[in-house]
Amino acid sequence: MMIKKLKLALATSALVVGGLAGFAAADSVKDAKHEARKAELLAKFDTNKDGKLDDTERAAAKDARAAERFKQLDTNGDGKLSLEEFKAGRQGRGGMHRHHRGPGRGQR
């Protein structure tokens, strides 16, 4: 009986350790993607080449991101967003800022 409990405890421990390793691997992939995105933004918008984005450079990056999103939403390419284009864009993203909602935020 004691050996069964020991084997069960070892198996459970192995599963827990394996699960934690999986989380660590997912975090490292996420960190690598974040670092790659950061490097891409610096290469594109760090005009004074100081290795960081100042307020002006950050605003330029934000404007470029907004222009790209507008281009995606403006499906007929007329330079204006119709209500239908706007609604379609919101549906495609599950709401404009869905990914920014933390626990208890944005819920009604």
N, C-alpha and C. Protein backbone atom coordinates (compact mmCIF):
# COMPACT_ATOMS: atom_id res chain seq x y z
N MET A 1 0.83 -1.19 0.00
CA MET A 1 0.00 0.00 0.00
C MET A 1 0.88 1.26 0.00
N MET A 2 1.94 1.24 0.79
CA MET A 2 2.84 2.39 0.88
C MET A 2 3.54 2.62 -0.45
N ILE A 3 3.90 1.55 -1.15
CA ILE A 3 4.59 1.67 -2.44
C ILE A 3 3.64 2.28 -3.47
N LYS A 4 2.36 1.89 -3.43
CA LYS A 4 1.37 2.47 -4.35
C LYS A 4 1.27 3.98 -4.14
N LYS A 5 1.22 4.41 -2.89
CA LYS A 5 1.13 5.83 -2.58
C LYS A 5 2.38 6.57 -3.06
N LEU A 6 3.54 5.94 -2.88
CA LEU A 6 4.79 6.54 -3.31
C LEU A 6 4.82 6.68 -4.84
N LYS A 7 4.39 5.62 -5.55
CA LYS A 7 4.33 5.68 -7.00
C LYS A 7 3.35 6.77 -7.46
N LEU A 8 2.22 6.86 -6.80
CA LEU A 8 1.22 7.88 -7.14
C LEU A 8 1.79 9.28 -6.90
N ALA A 9 2.48 9.46 -5.80
CA ALA A 9 3.08 10.75 -5.50
C ALA A 9 4.15 11.11 -6.52
N LEU A 10 4.97 10.15 -6.93
CA LEU A 10 6.00 10.38 -7.93
C LEU A 10 5.39 10.72 -9.29
N ALA A 11 4.34 10.00 -9.66
CA ALA A 11 3.67 10.26 -10.94
C ALA A 11 3.04 11.65 -10.94
N THR A 12 2.42 12.01 -9.84
CA THR A 12 1.81 13.34 -9.72
C THR A 12 2.88 14.42 -9.79
N SER A 13 3.97 14.20 -9.09
CA SER A 13 5.07 15.17 -9.12
C SER A 13 5.62 15.33 -10.53
N ALA A 14 5.76 14.23 -11.25
CA ALA A 14 6.27 14.29 -12.63
C ALA A 14 5.33 15.09 -13.51
N LEU A 15 4.04 14.90 -13.33
CA LEU A 15 3.06 15.67 -14.11
C LEU A 15 3.14 17.15 -13.79
N VAL A 16 3.28 17.48 -12.54
CA VAL A 16 3.37 18.88 -12.13
C VAL A 16 4.62 19.52 -12.70
N VAL A 17 5.75 18.84 -12.57
CA VAL A 17 7.01 19.37 -13.08
C VAL A 17 6.93 19.52 -14.60
N GLY A 18 6.36 18.53 -15.27
CA GLY A 18 6.20 18.60 -16.72
C GLY A 18 5.31 19.76 -17.13
N GLY A 19 4.24 19.98 -16.38
CA GLY A 19 3.35 21.11 -16.66
C GLY A 19 4.04 22.44 -16.46
N LEU A 20 4.84 22.54 -15.41
CA LEU A 20 5.58 23.79 -15.16
C LEU A 20 6.60 24.04 -16.27
N ALA A 21 7.22 22.98 -16.75
CA ALA A 21 8.17 23.13 -17.85
C ALA A 21 7.45 23.63 -19.10
N GLY A 22 6.23 23.15 -19.32
CA GLY A 22 5.44 23.61 -20.45
C GLY A 22 5.12 25.09 -20.35
N PHE A 23 4.77 25.53 -19.15
CA PHE A 23 4.50 26.96 -18.93
C PHE A 23 5.76 27.79 -19.16
N ALA A 24 6.88 27.30 -18.69
CA ALA A 24 8.14 28.03 -18.87
C ALA A 24 8.49 28.13 -20.35
N ALA A 25 8.25 27.06 -21.10
CA ALA A 25 8.53 27.09 -22.54
C ALA A 25 7.60 28.08 -23.23
N ALA A 26 6.33 28.10 -22.85
CA ALA A 26 5.38 29.05 -23.45
C ALA A 26 5.78 30.48 -23.13
N ASP A 27 6.23 30.72 -21.91
CA ASP A 27 6.69 32.06 -21.53
C ASP A 27 7.91 32.47 -22.33
N SER A 28 8.83 31.53 -22.57
CA SER A 28 10.03 31.89 -23.32
C SER A 28 9.69 32.21 -24.77
N VAL A 29 8.72 31.51 -25.35
CA VAL A 29 8.27 31.82 -26.71
C VAL A 29 7.62 33.19 -26.73
N LYS A 30 6.80 33.46 -25.73
CA LYS A 30 6.14 34.77 -25.63
C LYS A 30 7.18 35.88 -25.46
N ASP A 31 8.18 35.64 -24.62
CA ASP A 31 9.24 36.63 -24.41
C ASP A 31 10.03 36.86 -25.69
N ALA A 32 10.31 35.79 -26.43
CA ALA A 32 11.06 35.92 -27.67
C ALA A 32 10.27 36.73 -28.70
N LYS A 33 8.97 36.50 -28.77
CA LYS A 33 8.12 37.26 -29.69
C LYS A 33 8.09 38.73 -29.29
N HIS A 34 8.01 38.97 -27.98
CA HIS A 34 7.99 40.35 -27.48
C HIS A 34 9.29 41.06 -27.83
N GLU A 35 10.40 40.39 -27.62
CA GLU A 35 11.71 40.98 -27.93
C GLU A 35 11.86 41.24 -29.42
N ALA A 36 11.37 40.32 -30.24
CA ALA A 36 11.44 40.50 -31.70
C ALA A 36 10.60 41.70 -32.12
N ARG A 37 9.42 41.84 -31.54
CA ARG A 37 8.54 42.97 -31.86
C ARG A 37 9.19 44.28 -31.40
N LYS A 38 9.80 44.26 -30.23
CA LYS A 38 10.48 45.45 -29.72
C LYS A 38 11.62 45.86 -30.64
N ALA A 39 12.41 44.88 -31.09
CA ALA A 39 13.52 45.16 -32.00
C ALA A 39 13.01 45.72 -33.32
N GLU A 40 11.90 45.17 -33.80
CA GLU A 40 11.30 45.66 -35.04
C GLU A 40 10.84 47.11 -34.91
N LEU A 41 10.19 47.42 -33.79
CA LEU A 41 9.74 48.80 -33.55
C LEU A 41 10.92 49.75 -33.44
N LEU A 42 11.96 49.34 -32.74
CA LEU A 42 13.14 50.19 -32.61
C LEU A 42 13.80 50.44 -33.97
N ALA A 43 13.92 49.38 -34.76
CA ALA A 43 14.55 49.53 -36.07
C ALA A 43 13.75 50.49 -36.96
N LYS A 44 12.45 50.45 -36.82
CA LYS A 44 11.60 51.26 -37.69
C LYS A 44 11.40 52.68 -37.19
N PHE A 45 11.29 52.88 -35.87
CA PHE A 45 10.87 54.19 -35.35
C PHE A 45 11.91 54.92 -34.50
N ASP A 46 12.99 54.26 -34.12
CA ASP A 46 14.02 54.92 -33.30
C ASP A 46 14.89 55.78 -34.20
N THR A 47 14.39 56.95 -34.56
CA THR A 47 15.06 57.80 -35.55
C THR A 47 16.38 58.38 -35.04
N ASN A 48 16.50 58.61 -33.74
CA ASN A 48 17.76 59.16 -33.22
C ASN A 48 18.74 58.06 -32.79
N LYS A 49 18.34 56.80 -32.97
CA LYS A 49 19.20 55.62 -32.72
C LYS A 49 19.81 55.58 -31.33
N ASP A 50 18.98 55.95 -30.31
CA ASP A 50 19.47 55.89 -28.93
C ASP A 50 19.05 54.59 -28.23
N GLY A 51 18.40 53.68 -28.96
CA GLY A 51 18.03 52.39 -28.38
C GLY A 51 16.73 52.38 -27.63
N LYS A 52 15.97 53.48 -27.67
CA LYS A 52 14.66 53.53 -27.02
C LYS A 52 13.78 54.50 -27.80
N LEU A 53 12.49 54.39 -27.57
CA LEU A 53 11.55 55.27 -28.24
C LEU A 53 11.19 56.43 -27.32
N ASP A 54 11.45 57.64 -27.79
CA ASP A 54 11.03 58.81 -27.02
C ASP A 54 9.56 59.10 -27.36
N ASP A 55 9.01 60.15 -26.79
CA ASP A 55 7.58 60.44 -26.98
C ASP A 55 7.22 60.66 -28.45
N THR A 56 8.07 61.36 -29.18
CA THR A 56 7.81 61.63 -30.59
C THR A 56 7.85 60.35 -31.41
N GLU A 57 8.85 59.51 -31.14
CA GLU A 57 8.98 58.25 -31.87
C GLU A 57 7.82 57.31 -31.52
N ARG A 58 7.43 57.29 -30.25
CA ARG A 58 6.31 56.46 -29.82
C ARG A 58 5.02 56.92 -30.48
N ALA A 59 4.84 58.23 -30.62
CA ALA A 59 3.65 58.77 -31.29
C ALA A 59 3.64 58.36 -32.76
N ALA A 60 4.80 58.37 -33.40
CA ALA A 60 4.89 57.95 -34.80
C ALA A 60 4.52 56.48 -34.94
N ALA A 61 4.97 55.64 -34.01
CA ALA A 61 4.63 54.22 -34.03
C ALA A 61 3.13 54.03 -33.84
N LYS A 62 2.56 54.79 -32.92
CA LYS A 62 1.12 54.71 -32.66
C LYS A 62 0.33 55.16 -33.89
N ASP A 63 0.76 56.23 -34.54
CA ASP A 63 0.08 56.71 -35.75
C ASP A 63 0.16 55.67 -36.87
N ALA A 64 1.31 55.05 -37.02
CA ALA A 64 1.48 54.02 -38.05
C ALA A 64 0.55 52.84 -37.78
N ARG A 65 0.45 52.43 -36.52
CA ARG A 65 -0.44 51.33 -36.14
C ARG A 65 -1.90 51.69 -36.40
N ALA A 66 -2.28 52.94 -36.09
CA ALA A 66 -3.65 53.40 -36.33
C ALA A 66 -3.95 53.45 -37.83
N ALA A 67 -2.98 53.91 -38.63
CA ALA A 67 -3.17 53.97 -40.08
C ALA A 67 -3.34 52.57 -40.67
N GLU A 68 -2.57 51.62 -40.16
CA GLU A 68 -2.69 50.24 -40.63
C GLU A 68 -4.06 49.66 -40.27
N ARG A 69 -4.51 49.92 -39.06
CA ARG A 69 -5.83 49.43 -38.64
C ARG A 69 -6.93 50.07 -39.47
N PHE A 70 -6.81 51.37 -39.72
CA PHE A 70 -7.80 52.06 -40.55
C PHE A 70 -7.85 51.42 -41.94
N LYS A 71 -6.68 51.13 -42.49
CA LYS A 71 -6.60 50.52 -43.82
C LYS A 71 -7.30 49.16 -43.83
N GLN A 72 -7.15 48.40 -42.76
CA GLN A 72 -7.81 47.10 -42.65
C GLN A 72 -9.33 47.26 -42.58
N LEU A 73 -9.79 48.27 -41.84
CA LEU A 73 -11.23 48.48 -41.68
C LEU A 73 -11.88 49.05 -42.94
N ASP A 74 -11.17 49.88 -43.67
CA ASP A 74 -11.70 50.54 -44.86
C ASP A 74 -11.68 49.56 -46.03
N THR A 75 -12.61 48.62 -46.02
CA THR A 75 -12.58 47.52 -46.97
C THR A 75 -12.84 47.95 -48.41
N ASN A 76 -13.55 49.05 -48.62
CA ASN A 76 -13.79 49.49 -50.00
C ASN A 76 -12.74 50.50 -50.47
N GLY A 77 -11.80 50.88 -49.58
CA GLY A 77 -10.69 51.74 -49.95
C GLY A 77 -11.04 53.17 -50.31
N ASP A 78 -12.16 53.66 -49.81
CA ASP A 78 -12.56 55.03 -50.15
C ASP A 78 -12.01 56.09 -49.20
N GLY A 79 -11.22 55.67 -48.21
CA GLY A 79 -10.64 56.63 -47.27
C GLY A 79 -11.59 57.06 -46.17
N LYS A 80 -12.73 56.42 -46.09
CA LYS A 80 -13.73 56.72 -45.06
C LYS A 80 -14.21 55.41 -44.46
N LEU A 81 -14.62 55.47 -43.19
CA LEU A 81 -15.20 54.29 -42.57
C LEU A 81 -16.70 54.45 -42.49
N SER A 82 -17.39 53.52 -43.12
CA SER A 82 -18.84 53.50 -42.97
C SER A 82 -19.17 52.81 -41.66
N LEU A 83 -20.38 52.96 -41.23
CA LEU A 83 -20.81 52.28 -40.01
C LEU A 83 -20.69 50.77 -40.19
N GLU A 84 -21.00 50.27 -41.37
CA GLU A 84 -20.91 48.83 -41.64
C GLU A 84 -19.46 48.34 -41.55
N GLU A 85 -18.53 49.11 -42.10
CA GLU A 85 -17.11 48.73 -42.03
C GLU A 85 -16.64 48.72 -40.58
N PHE A 86 -17.05 49.74 -39.83
CA PHE A 86 -16.68 49.83 -38.43
C PHE A 86 -17.21 48.63 -37.64
N LYS A 87 -18.50 48.32 -37.83
CA LYS A 87 -19.11 47.19 -37.12
C LYS A 87 -18.44 45.88 -37.50
N ALA A 88 -18.15 45.71 -38.79
CA ALA A 88 -17.50 44.48 -39.24
C ALA A 88 -16.12 44.34 -38.60
N GLY A 89 -15.40 45.44 -38.49
CA GLY A 89 -14.09 45.41 -37.86
C GLY A 89 -14.16 45.07 -36.39
N ARG A 90 -15.17 45.57 -35.73
CA ARG A 90 -15.34 45.25 -34.30
C ARG A 90 -15.68 43.79 -34.12
N GLN A 91 -16.54 43.25 -34.98
CA GLN A 91 -16.91 41.83 -34.86
C GLN A 91 -15.70 40.93 -35.11
N GLY A 92 -14.88 41.31 -36.06
CA GLY A 92 -13.71 40.50 -36.39
C GLY A 92 -12.70 40.43 -35.26
N ARG A 93 -12.70 41.42 -34.38
CA ARG A 93 -11.74 41.44 -33.27
C ARG A 93 -12.39 41.09 -31.95
N GLY A 94 -13.68 40.82 -31.94
CA GLY A 94 -14.36 40.51 -30.68
C GLY A 94 -14.50 41.74 -29.81
N GLY A 95 -14.58 42.91 -30.41
CA GLY A 95 -14.63 44.16 -29.66
C GLY A 95 -13.30 44.86 -29.78
N MET A 96 -13.30 46.16 -29.81
CA MET A 96 -12.08 46.91 -30.10
C MET A 96 -10.97 46.69 -29.09
N HIS A 97 -11.26 46.59 -27.82
CA HIS A 97 -10.20 46.47 -26.82
C HIS A 97 -10.38 45.24 -25.95
N ARG A 98 -10.90 44.20 -26.51
CA ARG A 98 -11.17 42.99 -25.76
C ARG A 98 -9.92 42.45 -25.08
N HIS A 99 -8.79 42.48 -25.77
CA HIS A 99 -7.56 41.90 -25.22
C HIS A 99 -6.96 42.75 -24.10
N HIS A 100 -7.47 43.94 -23.87
CA HIS A 100 -6.95 44.79 -22.80
C HIS A 100 -7.76 44.67 -21.51
N ARG A 101 -8.82 43.92 -21.55
CA ARG A 101 -9.66 43.82 -20.36
C ARG A 101 -9.08 42.86 -19.35
N GLY A 102 -8.91 43.35 -18.17
CA GLY A 102 -8.46 42.48 -17.08
C GLY A 102 -9.67 41.99 -16.33
N PRO A 103 -9.46 41.25 -15.27
CA PRO A 103 -10.58 40.75 -14.48
C PRO A 103 -11.42 41.91 -13.95
N GLY A 104 -12.71 41.82 -14.20
CA GLY A 104 -13.63 42.83 -13.69
C GLY A 104 -13.69 44.10 -14.51
N ARG A 105 -12.88 44.20 -15.56
CA ARG A 105 -12.88 45.41 -16.38
C ARG A 105 -13.68 45.16 -17.64
N GLY A 106 -14.43 46.16 -18.05
CA GLY A 106 -15.16 46.10 -19.30
C GLY A 106 -16.35 45.16 -19.28
N GLN A 107 -16.75 44.71 -18.12
CA GLN A 107 -17.90 43.81 -18.01
C GLN A 107 -19.08 44.60 -17.51
N ARG A 108 -20.23 44.28 -18.08
CA ARG A 108 -21.46 44.98 -17.66
C ARG A 108 -22.50 44.00 -17.22
